[in-house]
Each structure stands twice: as C-alpha cells, then as structure tokens.
C-alpha cells in the first residue's frame, strides 16, 4: 500500500513538473510605460565637466597571460589589467551620470546612431561605455580569433553568443536602465567591459587624462554620480542653470583602490 502511495506521489510530481516546464517563458516586452512627457528643449541646456583625480600611489597593473590563444598572444598593444587605470594622477574609465531633476521627470528619445563595442587585441574597447535604453549597441570582432560575448545584467535579459572572426557585427538593445552591466568573454577570461544603460543621455566616461563632459543638461537640480568598477560610487548634489557651464571634480584615494571590491565609497564633495 505504501509503495503504491509513493508511486502516486512521484507521478503527480512528474506531471506538475511537466506542466511548469511547458509554460511559456517570460517575454521581455520592454520597460513599463511610465507616462512621462517627452523632454522639450528650450535651447538653454548646460554643461557639466570636470576631472576624476586619483590621490596616492595606484596599484600595480598586472601582466595578463594570453598564451592560451596564439592570436591573442601575438596581438599588439599592452597586456596589462585595466581595472584601475591612472595616468599622472588622473583616473580613467569612470562612468559619470545624473539622477533626479528633469532627467527623471521626462522621457528622452535614444539616438539613432549606435554605440560601438569592439574586440581588438583580445580586449574590449572601450572598457567602459554608456548607451540609452533602446539605443543600438553594435559589437564588433576585429580579432582573428573567436570570442564569446556574455553580458550578465540584473534588470535585462542575459545572453551569451559566439562571434567568430570575420562575421557581421552583433546589434543588441537594452530595455531597462541598469548601471552598470558587466560584460565578459567566455573564451578569454581576462576580457571585461562595463555598459551603463540609462533612460536619458546625460552621462559620460572619464578619458585617460581623467576628464569628462556631460553636454545638453536640462536646467535643474541633480545628483551627480561617479562609478568605478572596483572603487565604487561617489555622489554630490549639483545645480545647473540655463546655459550654465558647471565644473565638478572628484577624487578617489589610493586606500580605496587597495580595499575589497565590495566596498562602496562615500562622496567627497569637491567644489568648483
């Protein structure tokens, strides 16, 4: 009797599993319509610019062993880690963006031009980049070896696709804001990039000399955020007037660069 009863339980569980497996997968139909009004320019947008500084001695960049792939090993360019890239006391690859104010109150049309992420020298180029929701991200493979492009988002669908050399570019879009999405290559574990996805165009990435510029900022009160992949975020309040050119610098300290990557940094307010 117990044997028969146990068989019935197993059969019922199997049927329930089959029903659940046959259910259609959740479809990503894009972001929920927020009902925000489209932003109407009055041709009085401002500009925020500044420098991301690094205070102290930066950590040594470690050499990457690309010997497992002859095409990567023979590729030109430096083969050093790029998580903390400091030149003359200036920090590159910091994602800088706005929150609050008009950028959250209105909707913005994404540009028709794509943002390009290349695979060159078995590295992602650029290392950090930004796109708007529904703007095309065009992924190239300029190498003579196959790559496996694998973003690992939290708010957007994850995908993992091979891209052999000489094949057509891949074109992808993201339907939800997310700062930031890690991108890796399953073929070459040292290849990493980070993609910021925003609902507005007010963002920038610090260059090798630490400079950044955010153009076409609607007048208003904002929170200005900097994001670095190992040293975390800094935030400060900023007001941009009509047609105003605002300067705001930030400083990351070497003590944070040596801290665990899970650490998040409190903002250091640096006045213009």
Protein backbone atom coordinates (compact mmCIF):
# COMPACT_ATOMS: atom_id res chain seq x y z
CA UNK A 1 0.00 0.00 0.00
CA UNK A 2 2.82 2.39 0.90
CA UNK A 3 4.64 1.51 -2.31
CA UNK A 4 1.51 2.30 -4.35
CA UNK A 5 1.01 5.58 -2.47
CA UNK A 6 4.65 6.57 -3.07
CA UNK A 7 4.30 5.84 -6.79
CA UNK A 8 1.25 8.12 -6.96
CA UNK A 9 3.21 10.97 -5.32
CA UNK A 10 6.09 10.58 -7.78
CA UNK A 11 3.68 10.53 -10.73
CA UNK A 12 1.89 13.66 -9.50
CA UNK A 13 5.18 15.47 -9.03
CA UNK A 14 6.26 14.48 -12.54
CA UNK A 15 3.04 15.81 -14.05
CA UNK A 16 3.40 19.10 -12.15
CA UNK A 17 6.99 19.45 -13.39
CA UNK A 18 5.94 18.83 -16.99
CA UNK A 19 3.16 21.42 -16.74
CA UNK A 20 5.54 24.01 -15.30
CA UNK A 21 8.14 23.25 -17.98
CA UNK A 22 5.61 23.75 -20.75
CA UNK A 23 4.60 27.20 -19.57
CA UNK A 24 5.81 29.92 -21.95
CA UNK A 25 8.92 31.75 -20.80
CA UNK A 26 8.55 35.31 -19.67
CA UNK A 27 8.91 37.61 -22.64
CA UNK A 28 10.84 40.84 -22.30
CA UNK A 29 8.40 43.36 -23.78
CA UNK A 30 10.48 46.34 -22.74
CA UNK A 31 10.11 48.81 -19.91
CA UNK A 32 6.77 49.69 -18.40
CA UNK A 33 5.31 52.86 -19.88
CA UNK A 34 5.90 55.50 -17.21
CA UNK A 35 3.65 58.08 -18.83
CA UNK A 36 6.39 60.72 -18.70
CA UNK A 37 6.14 63.63 -21.09
CA UNK A 38 8.82 63.88 -23.79
CA UNK A 39 11.52 66.41 -23.00
CA UNK A 40 11.10 69.63 -24.97
CA UNK A 41 14.33 71.55 -25.40
CA UNK A 42 14.37 75.31 -24.87
CA UNK A 43 17.91 75.51 -26.25
CA UNK A 44 19.17 76.52 -22.80
CA UNK A 45 20.85 73.29 -21.75
CA UNK A 46 24.01 73.47 -19.68
CA UNK A 47 27.26 71.52 -19.47
CA UNK A 48 28.98 69.72 -16.60
CA UNK A 49 32.68 68.93 -16.91
CA UNK A 50 35.48 68.03 -14.58
CA UNK A 51 38.39 65.77 -13.77
CA UNK A 52 38.46 62.47 -11.91
CA UNK A 53 41.61 62.59 -9.78
CA UNK A 54 43.50 59.82 -8.00
CA UNK A 55 45.18 60.64 -4.70
CA UNK A 56 48.10 58.41 -3.78
CA UNK A 57 50.02 55.58 -5.38
CA UNK A 58 47.91 53.47 -7.76
CA UNK A 59 48.08 49.67 -7.54
CA UNK A 60 50.42 47.96 -9.98
CA UNK A 61 48.79 46.80 -13.17
CA UNK A 62 49.37 43.05 -13.52
CA UNK A 63 50.50 41.40 -16.72
CA UNK A 64 47.91 39.19 -18.44
CA UNK A 65 49.00 35.79 -19.77
CA UNK A 66 47.32 35.39 -23.17
CA UNK A 67 49.43 32.37 -24.15
CA UNK A 68 46.42 30.04 -24.30
CA UNK A 69 45.37 31.70 -27.57
CA UNK A 70 48.16 32.29 -30.09
CA UNK A 71 46.18 35.00 -31.87
CA UNK A 72 45.79 36.92 -28.62
CA UNK A 73 49.42 36.37 -27.59
CA UNK A 74 50.68 37.79 -30.90
CA UNK A 75 48.30 40.77 -30.91
CA UNK A 76 49.79 44.19 -30.40
CA UNK A 77 49.14 46.53 -27.51
CA UNK A 78 49.87 46.29 -23.82
CA UNK A 79 48.74 43.20 -21.96
CA UNK A 80 48.08 44.67 -18.53
CA UNK A 81 44.99 44.76 -16.32
CA UNK A 82 42.89 47.91 -16.70
CA UNK A 83 40.58 47.91 -13.66
CA UNK A 84 42.48 50.86 -12.14
CA UNK A 85 43.97 52.97 -14.92
CA UNK A 86 45.79 56.05 -13.59
CA UNK A 87 47.87 58.50 -15.63
CA UNK A 88 49.59 61.44 -13.92
CA UNK A 89 47.19 61.30 -11.00
CA UNK A 90 44.07 61.12 -13.19
CA UNK A 91 41.65 58.16 -13.25
CA UNK A 92 40.17 56.79 -16.48
CA UNK A 93 37.10 54.61 -17.10
CA UNK A 94 34.87 56.26 -14.50
CA UNK A 95 31.20 56.35 -15.51
CA UNK A 96 29.68 59.73 -14.62
CA UNK A 97 25.93 60.33 -14.81
CA UNK A 98 22.99 62.33 -13.47
CA UNK A 99 19.96 61.26 -11.49
CA UNK A 100 16.95 63.25 -10.32
CA UNK A 101 15.63 66.51 -11.71
CA UNK A 102 14.48 66.77 -15.32
CA UNK A 103 16.33 63.62 -16.44
CA UNK A 104 13.97 61.59 -14.26
CA UNK A 105 10.90 63.74 -14.89
CA UNK A 106 10.84 63.49 -18.69
CA UNK A 107 11.34 60.84 -21.35
CA UNK A 108 14.19 61.13 -23.86
CA UNK A 109 14.48 59.75 -27.38
CA UNK A 110 17.51 57.46 -27.87
CA UNK A 111 19.98 58.44 -30.63
CA UNK A 112 19.72 56.65 -33.96
CA UNK A 113 23.50 56.21 -34.10
CA UNK A 114 24.78 53.02 -32.44
CA UNK A 115 27.38 52.82 -29.69
CA UNK A 116 30.27 50.57 -30.74
CA UNK A 117 31.98 47.97 -28.55
CA UNK A 118 34.95 46.41 -30.34
CA UNK A 119 37.00 43.32 -29.54
CA UNK A 120 40.52 44.27 -30.50
CA UNK A 121 43.77 42.76 -29.34
CA UNK A 122 41.66 40.37 -27.27
CA UNK A 123 40.42 43.27 -25.18
CA UNK A 124 37.09 45.07 -25.09
CA UNK A 125 37.38 48.59 -26.46
CA UNK A 126 36.22 50.74 -24.76
CA UNK A 127 36.45 49.25 -21.30
CA UNK A 128 33.53 51.34 -20.00
CA UNK A 129 30.73 52.81 -22.14
CA UNK A 130 27.17 54.06 -21.91
CA UNK A 131 24.03 53.62 -24.02
CA UNK A 132 20.45 54.75 -23.71
CA UNK A 133 17.51 52.40 -23.37
CA UNK A 134 16.66 51.02 -26.83
CA UNK A 135 19.79 52.52 -28.38
CA UNK A 136 21.71 50.04 -30.52
CA UNK A 137 24.90 48.55 -29.10
CA UNK A 138 26.97 47.34 -32.06
CA UNK A 139 29.56 44.71 -31.14
CA UNK A 140 32.49 44.13 -33.50
CA UNK A 141 35.17 41.47 -33.62
CA UNK A 142 38.36 42.94 -35.09
CA UNK A 143 40.46 39.95 -33.98
CA UNK A 144 41.49 36.85 -35.86
CA UNK A 145 40.07 34.61 -33.17
CA UNK A 146 36.59 33.74 -31.91
CA UNK A 147 35.09 35.49 -28.93
CA UNK A 148 32.08 34.73 -26.75
CA UNK A 149 30.22 37.89 -25.75
CA UNK A 150 28.43 37.40 -22.44
CA UNK A 151 26.75 40.31 -20.61
CA UNK A 152 25.46 39.43 -17.13
CA UNK A 153 22.75 42.02 -16.33
CA UNK A 154 20.33 42.04 -13.40
CA UNK A 155 17.47 44.05 -14.92
CA UNK A 156 17.80 42.96 -18.56
CA UNK A 157 17.81 39.53 -20.21
CA UNK A 158 21.17 37.75 -20.11
CA UNK A 159 22.64 36.45 -23.36
CA UNK A 160 25.76 34.59 -24.38
CA UNK A 161 26.74 34.40 -28.05
CA UNK A 162 29.80 33.34 -30.00
CA UNK A 163 31.32 35.77 -32.50
CA UNK A 164 33.86 34.16 -34.87
CA UNK A 165 36.35 36.34 -36.73
CA UNK A 166 35.12 37.98 -39.92
CA UNK A 167 31.44 37.70 -39.00
CA UNK A 168 28.91 40.50 -39.10
CA UNK A 169 28.58 42.82 -36.10
CA UNK A 170 26.08 41.90 -33.42
CA UNK A 171 23.44 44.50 -32.65
CA UNK A 172 21.69 44.49 -29.30
CA UNK A 173 19.47 46.81 -27.28
CA UNK A 174 18.59 47.02 -23.59
CA UNK A 175 15.06 47.75 -22.44
CA UNK A 176 15.70 48.70 -18.83
CA UNK A 177 18.06 51.11 -17.12
CA UNK A 178 20.99 49.46 -15.33
CA UNK A 179 24.27 50.84 -14.03
CA UNK A 180 26.35 49.00 -14.87
CA UNK A 181 26.24 45.70 -16.78
CA UNK A 182 29.41 43.55 -16.66
CA UNK A 183 30.44 42.01 -19.98
CA UNK A 184 32.85 39.10 -20.23
CA UNK A 185 34.21 36.75 -22.87
CA UNK A 186 33.84 33.08 -22.06
CA UNK A 187 36.75 32.27 -24.38
CA UNK A 188 39.18 34.73 -22.78
CA UNK A 189 38.52 35.30 -19.05
CA UNK A 190 40.65 38.46 -18.84
CA UNK A 191 38.34 40.30 -21.27
CA UNK A 192 35.97 42.57 -19.33
CA UNK A 193 33.83 45.60 -20.10
CA UNK A 194 31.05 47.53 -18.34
CA UNK A 195 27.98 49.01 -20.04
CA UNK A 196 25.86 51.68 -18.39
CA UNK A 197 22.25 51.79 -19.60
CA UNK A 198 20.25 54.93 -18.85
CA UNK A 199 16.87 56.38 -19.82
CA UNK A 200 18.48 59.74 -20.63
CA UNK A 201 21.60 61.00 -22.45
CA UNK A 202 23.27 62.82 -19.53
CA UNK A 203 26.30 60.62 -18.90
CA UNK A 204 29.99 60.43 -19.74
CA UNK A 205 33.11 58.30 -19.18
CA UNK A 206 36.38 59.77 -17.95
CA UNK A 207 39.16 59.71 -20.54
CA UNK A 208 42.77 58.68 -19.96
CA UNK A 209 43.52 62.18 -18.65
CA UNK A 210 40.61 61.89 -16.20
CA UNK A 211 38.43 64.47 -17.93
CA UNK A 212 34.71 64.04 -18.52
CA UNK A 213 31.99 66.21 -20.06
CA UNK A 214 28.21 65.88 -19.90
CA UNK A 215 26.55 68.05 -22.53
CA UNK A 216 22.95 69.12 -23.12
CA UNK A 217 21.95 69.08 -19.44
CA UNK A 218 18.43 70.46 -18.87
CA UNK A 219 18.48 73.18 -16.18
CA UNK A 220 17.66 71.75 -12.78
CA UNK A 221 18.83 70.20 -9.52
CA UNK A 222 20.56 66.82 -9.72
CA UNK A 223 22.65 64.19 -8.04
CA UNK A 224 25.92 63.73 -9.93
CA UNK A 225 27.23 60.16 -9.59
CA UNK A 226 30.60 58.66 -10.42
CA UNK A 227 31.00 54.88 -10.69
CA UNK A 228 34.23 52.89 -10.75
CA UNK A 229 34.24 49.12 -11.08
CA UNK A 230 36.48 48.44 -8.07
CA UNK A 231 36.33 51.67 -6.04
CA UNK A 232 32.60 52.19 -6.01
CA UNK A 233 30.47 55.32 -6.23
CA UNK A 234 30.73 58.94 -5.22
CA UNK A 235 27.80 61.37 -5.23
CA UNK A 236 27.27 65.09 -4.87
CA UNK A 237 24.39 67.49 -5.36
CA UNK A 238 24.68 69.90 -8.26
CA UNK A 239 22.50 72.64 -9.76
CA UNK A 240 22.78 73.55 -13.42
CA UNK A 241 21.33 76.86 -14.54
CA UNK A 242 20.16 77.82 -18.00
CA UNK A 243 23.09 77.64 -20.46
CA UNK A 244 25.46 77.30 -17.50
CA UNK A 245 28.87 75.65 -17.72
CA UNK A 246 29.48 73.88 -14.44
CA UNK A 247 32.74 72.35 -13.18
CA UNK A 248 32.79 69.48 -10.71
CA UNK A 249 35.87 67.38 -9.90
CA UNK A 250 36.03 64.16 -7.90
CA UNK A 251 38.89 62.42 -6.12
CA UNK A 252 39.40 58.72 -5.45
CA UNK A 253 42.00 57.75 -2.86
CA UNK A 254 44.61 55.02 -3.14
CA UNK A 255 43.43 53.48 0.15
CA UNK A 256 40.16 52.62 -1.58
CA UNK A 257 41.95 51.11 -4.57
CA UNK A 258 43.55 48.54 -2.25
CA UNK A 259 40.32 47.82 -0.36
CA UNK A 260 37.97 44.88 -1.13
CA UNK A 261 35.99 45.41 -4.34
CA UNK A 262 32.69 45.17 -2.45
CA UNK A 263 33.45 48.47 -0.68
CA UNK A 264 31.32 51.44 -1.67
CA UNK A 265 32.77 54.90 -1.17
CA UNK A 266 31.01 57.85 0.40
CA UNK A 267 31.16 61.01 -1.67
CA UNK A 268 33.83 63.61 -1.18
CA UNK A 269 32.39 66.95 -2.14
CA UNK A 270 34.83 68.98 -4.20
CA UNK A 271 33.69 72.45 -5.01
CA UNK A 272 34.45 74.09 -8.38
